[in-house]
Amino acid sequence: MQKSLILHFNAHDTIVTKKRDLNGHGTVWYHPARIANNQSSYNVQKKHNATYHSQLRTGFIVHKADNNNHVFTQKEAH
């Protein structure tokens, strides 16, 4: 079983070592200081419509078939 994941960003790379179970998606990698904590947008969009508006900074909105939306917002890094 994979023990870590390397996320590549424009400015640097980050090693991710935390995993959690996300209801409806299974086990996912996350980093407490990054916006892409739970799922890659690619994997989410395979199952649901998703929107993001960078100027409004409302976060990633995942639109589910049952009309419930899940919003993933960025937290300030500590």
N, C-alpha and C. Protein backbone atom coordinates (compact mmCIF):
# COMPACT_ATOMS: atom_id res chain seq x y z
N MET A 1 0.83 -1.18 0.00
CA MET A 1 0.00 0.00 0.00
C MET A 1 0.88 1.25 0.00
N GLN A 2 0.52 2.22 -0.81
CA GLN A 2 1.29 3.46 -0.94
C GLN A 2 1.21 4.26 0.36
N LYS A 3 2.38 4.73 0.85
CA LYS A 3 2.43 5.45 2.12
C LYS A 3 2.48 6.96 1.97
N SER A 4 2.78 7.45 0.77
CA SER A 4 2.80 8.90 0.56
C SER A 4 2.51 9.21 -0.90
N LEU A 5 2.19 10.47 -1.13
CA LEU A 5 1.85 10.97 -2.45
C LEU A 5 2.56 12.31 -2.61
N ILE A 6 3.15 12.56 -3.76
CA ILE A 6 3.81 13.84 -4.01
C ILE A 6 2.91 14.67 -4.91
N LEU A 7 2.50 15.85 -4.41
CA LEU A 7 1.73 16.80 -5.20
C LEU A 7 2.69 17.81 -5.80
N HIS A 8 2.59 18.02 -7.10
CA HIS A 8 3.47 18.96 -7.79
C HIS A 8 2.72 20.27 -8.03
N PHE A 9 3.26 21.36 -7.50
CA PHE A 9 2.70 22.69 -7.68
C PHE A 9 3.68 23.53 -8.49
N ASN A 10 3.26 24.70 -8.94
CA ASN A 10 4.15 25.58 -9.70
C ASN A 10 5.39 25.96 -8.90
N ALA A 11 5.22 26.28 -7.64
CA ALA A 11 6.33 26.79 -6.84
C ALA A 11 7.12 25.70 -6.11
N HIS A 12 6.49 24.57 -5.82
CA HIS A 12 7.15 23.55 -5.02
C HIS A 12 6.38 22.23 -5.08
N ASP A 13 6.95 21.21 -4.50
CA ASP A 13 6.28 19.93 -4.34
C ASP A 13 5.92 19.75 -2.87
N THR A 14 4.85 19.00 -2.62
CA THR A 14 4.42 18.72 -1.26
C THR A 14 4.21 17.22 -1.11
N ILE A 15 4.73 16.66 -0.03
CA ILE A 15 4.52 15.25 0.26
C ILE A 15 3.28 15.13 1.14
N VAL A 16 2.34 14.29 0.71
CA VAL A 16 1.09 14.08 1.44
C VAL A 16 1.14 12.67 2.03
N THR A 17 0.86 12.59 3.33
CA THR A 17 0.91 11.29 4.01
C THR A 17 -0.40 10.92 4.71
N LYS A 18 -1.40 11.80 4.65
CA LYS A 18 -2.66 11.56 5.36
C LYS A 18 -3.73 11.04 4.41
N LYS A 19 -4.51 10.09 4.89
CA LYS A 19 -5.63 9.53 4.14
C LYS A 19 -6.86 9.53 5.05
N ARG A 20 -8.01 9.67 4.44
CA ARG A 20 -9.28 9.59 5.16
C ARG A 20 -10.31 8.95 4.25
N ASP A 21 -11.38 8.45 4.84
CA ASP A 21 -12.51 7.94 4.07
C ASP A 21 -13.46 9.09 3.81
N LEU A 22 -13.78 9.33 2.55
CA LEU A 22 -14.72 10.38 2.15
C LEU A 22 -15.98 9.69 1.67
N ASN A 23 -17.07 9.94 2.36
CA ASN A 23 -18.33 9.28 2.07
C ASN A 23 -18.68 9.38 0.59
N GLY A 24 -18.89 8.25 -0.05
CA GLY A 24 -19.25 8.22 -1.46
C GLY A 24 -18.07 8.17 -2.41
N HIS A 25 -16.86 8.33 -1.88
CA HIS A 25 -15.67 8.35 -2.74
C HIS A 25 -14.60 7.35 -2.31
N GLY A 26 -14.72 6.80 -1.13
CA GLY A 26 -13.72 5.86 -0.65
C GLY A 26 -12.57 6.57 0.05
N THR A 27 -11.43 5.94 0.09
CA THR A 27 -10.25 6.50 0.74
C THR A 27 -9.60 7.53 -0.16
N VAL A 28 -9.29 8.69 0.41
CA VAL A 28 -8.69 9.79 -0.36
C VAL A 28 -7.49 10.35 0.40
N TRP A 29 -6.56 10.93 -0.34
CA TRP A 29 -5.42 11.63 0.22
C TRP A 29 -5.84 13.05 0.57
N TYR A 30 -5.25 13.61 1.63
CA TYR A 30 -5.50 15.03 1.90
C TYR A 30 -4.30 15.66 2.60
N HIS A 31 -4.21 16.97 2.45
CA HIS A 31 -3.19 17.77 3.12
C HIS A 31 -3.92 18.92 3.80
N PRO A 32 -3.72 19.13 5.09
CA PRO A 32 -4.51 20.14 5.81
C PRO A 32 -4.33 21.58 5.33
N ALA A 33 -3.29 21.87 4.55
CA ALA A 33 -3.06 23.26 4.12
C ALA A 33 -3.25 23.46 2.62
N ARG A 34 -3.85 22.52 1.93
CA ARG A 34 -4.02 22.63 0.48
C ARG A 34 -5.48 22.53 0.10
N ILE A 35 -5.89 23.26 -0.97
CA ILE A 35 -7.29 23.27 -1.41
C ILE A 35 -7.71 21.94 -2.02
N ALA A 36 -6.78 21.23 -2.62
CA ALA A 36 -7.11 19.96 -3.28
C ALA A 36 -7.01 18.81 -2.29
N ASN A 37 -7.52 19.03 -1.09
CA ASN A 37 -7.38 18.04 -0.03
C ASN A 37 -8.05 16.72 -0.31
N ASN A 38 -9.28 16.73 -0.78
CA ASN A 38 -10.09 15.51 -0.75
C ASN A 38 -10.05 14.67 -2.00
N GLN A 39 -10.15 15.30 -3.13
CA GLN A 39 -10.23 14.58 -4.39
C GLN A 39 -9.60 15.41 -5.48
N SER A 40 -9.06 14.75 -6.48
CA SER A 40 -8.67 15.52 -7.65
C SER A 40 -9.94 15.91 -8.39
N SER A 41 -9.93 17.07 -9.01
CA SER A 41 -11.13 17.49 -9.74
C SER A 41 -11.46 16.51 -10.85
N TYR A 42 -10.46 15.86 -11.40
CA TYR A 42 -10.69 14.86 -12.45
C TYR A 42 -11.58 13.73 -11.94
N ASN A 43 -11.26 13.19 -10.77
CA ASN A 43 -12.04 12.08 -10.22
C ASN A 43 -13.43 12.51 -9.81
N VAL A 44 -13.56 13.70 -9.24
CA VAL A 44 -14.89 14.19 -8.85
C VAL A 44 -15.75 14.37 -10.09
N GLN A 45 -15.19 14.97 -11.14
CA GLN A 45 -15.97 15.26 -12.34
C GLN A 45 -16.36 14.00 -13.12
N LYS A 46 -15.75 12.87 -12.83
CA LYS A 46 -16.19 11.62 -13.44
C LYS A 46 -17.57 11.22 -12.92
N LYS A 47 -17.91 11.65 -11.69
CA LYS A 47 -19.18 11.28 -11.07
C LYS A 47 -20.19 12.42 -11.00
N HIS A 48 -19.71 13.68 -10.91
CA HIS A 48 -20.59 14.81 -10.65
C HIS A 48 -20.18 16.02 -11.48
N ASN A 49 -21.10 16.95 -11.67
CA ASN A 49 -20.74 18.25 -12.22
C ASN A 49 -20.06 19.04 -11.11
N ALA A 50 -19.06 19.82 -11.48
CA ALA A 50 -18.35 20.64 -10.51
C ALA A 50 -18.06 22.00 -11.11
N THR A 51 -18.14 23.04 -10.27
CA THR A 51 -17.85 24.39 -10.74
C THR A 51 -16.87 25.06 -9.80
N TYR A 52 -16.15 26.04 -10.35
CA TYR A 52 -15.21 26.84 -9.56
C TYR A 52 -15.12 28.20 -10.22
N HIS A 53 -15.26 29.25 -9.42
CA HIS A 53 -15.14 30.61 -9.94
C HIS A 53 -14.07 31.31 -9.12
N SER A 54 -12.89 31.49 -9.71
CA SER A 54 -11.75 32.02 -8.96
C SER A 54 -11.95 33.45 -8.49
N GLN A 55 -12.68 34.26 -9.23
CA GLN A 55 -12.88 35.65 -8.81
C GLN A 55 -13.83 35.76 -7.62
N LEU A 56 -14.80 34.87 -7.54
CA LEU A 56 -15.73 34.89 -6.41
C LEU A 56 -15.15 34.21 -5.17
N ARG A 57 -14.18 33.35 -5.37
CA ARG A 57 -13.53 32.60 -4.29
C ARG A 57 -14.54 31.86 -3.41
N THR A 58 -15.53 31.25 -4.08
CA THR A 58 -16.54 30.48 -3.36
C THR A 58 -16.13 29.05 -3.10
N GLY A 59 -15.02 28.62 -3.67
CA GLY A 59 -14.55 27.25 -3.52
C GLY A 59 -15.03 26.39 -4.67
N PHE A 60 -14.71 25.11 -4.59
CA PHE A 60 -15.17 24.15 -5.58
C PHE A 60 -16.56 23.69 -5.15
N ILE A 61 -17.52 23.76 -6.06
CA ILE A 61 -18.88 23.33 -5.75
C ILE A 61 -19.16 22.05 -6.54
N VAL A 62 -19.46 20.97 -5.83
CA VAL A 62 -19.78 19.70 -6.45
C VAL A 62 -21.30 19.56 -6.43
N HIS A 63 -21.89 19.44 -7.62
CA HIS A 63 -23.34 19.36 -7.77
C HIS A 63 -23.74 17.88 -7.92
N LYS A 64 -24.42 17.36 -6.92
CA LYS A 64 -24.79 15.95 -6.93
C LYS A 64 -26.16 15.76 -7.57
N ALA A 65 -26.43 14.56 -8.01
CA ALA A 65 -27.69 14.23 -8.70
C ALA A 65 -28.90 14.42 -7.80
N ASP A 66 -28.72 14.31 -6.48
CA ASP A 66 -29.85 14.48 -5.56
C ASP A 66 -30.10 15.96 -5.21
N ASN A 67 -29.49 16.86 -5.98
CA ASN A 67 -29.61 18.32 -5.81
C ASN A 67 -28.93 18.86 -4.56
N ASN A 68 -28.14 18.06 -3.89
CA ASN A 68 -27.31 18.55 -2.79
C ASN A 68 -25.97 18.98 -3.34
N ASN A 69 -25.51 20.14 -2.94
CA ASN A 69 -24.20 20.63 -3.35
C ASN A 69 -23.23 20.50 -2.19
N HIS A 70 -22.00 20.14 -2.50
CA HIS A 70 -20.93 20.10 -1.51
C HIS A 70 -19.92 21.16 -1.92
N VAL A 71 -19.55 22.03 -0.98
CA VAL A 71 -18.62 23.11 -1.27
C VAL A 71 -17.32 22.85 -0.55
N PHE A 72 -16.22 22.88 -1.28
CA PHE A 72 -14.89 22.71 -0.73
C PHE A 72 -14.18 24.05 -0.82
N THR A 73 -13.89 24.64 0.34
CA THR A 73 -13.28 25.97 0.35
C THR A 73 -11.85 25.90 0.85
N GLN A 74 -11.09 26.90 0.49
CA GLN A 74 -9.70 26.98 0.89
C GLN A 74 -9.60 27.53 2.30
N LYS A 75 -8.77 26.92 3.11
CA LYS A 75 -8.51 27.40 4.46
C LYS A 75 -7.15 28.09 4.46
N GLU A 76 -7.00 29.09 5.29
CA GLU A 76 -5.71 29.77 5.40
C GLU A 76 -4.70 28.81 6.02
N ALA A 77 -3.50 28.78 5.46
CA ALA A 77 -2.42 27.93 6.00
C ALA A 77 -1.96 28.52 7.32
N HIS A 78 -1.61 27.65 8.25
CA HIS A 78 -1.14 28.10 9.57
C HIS A 78 0.36 28.23 9.57
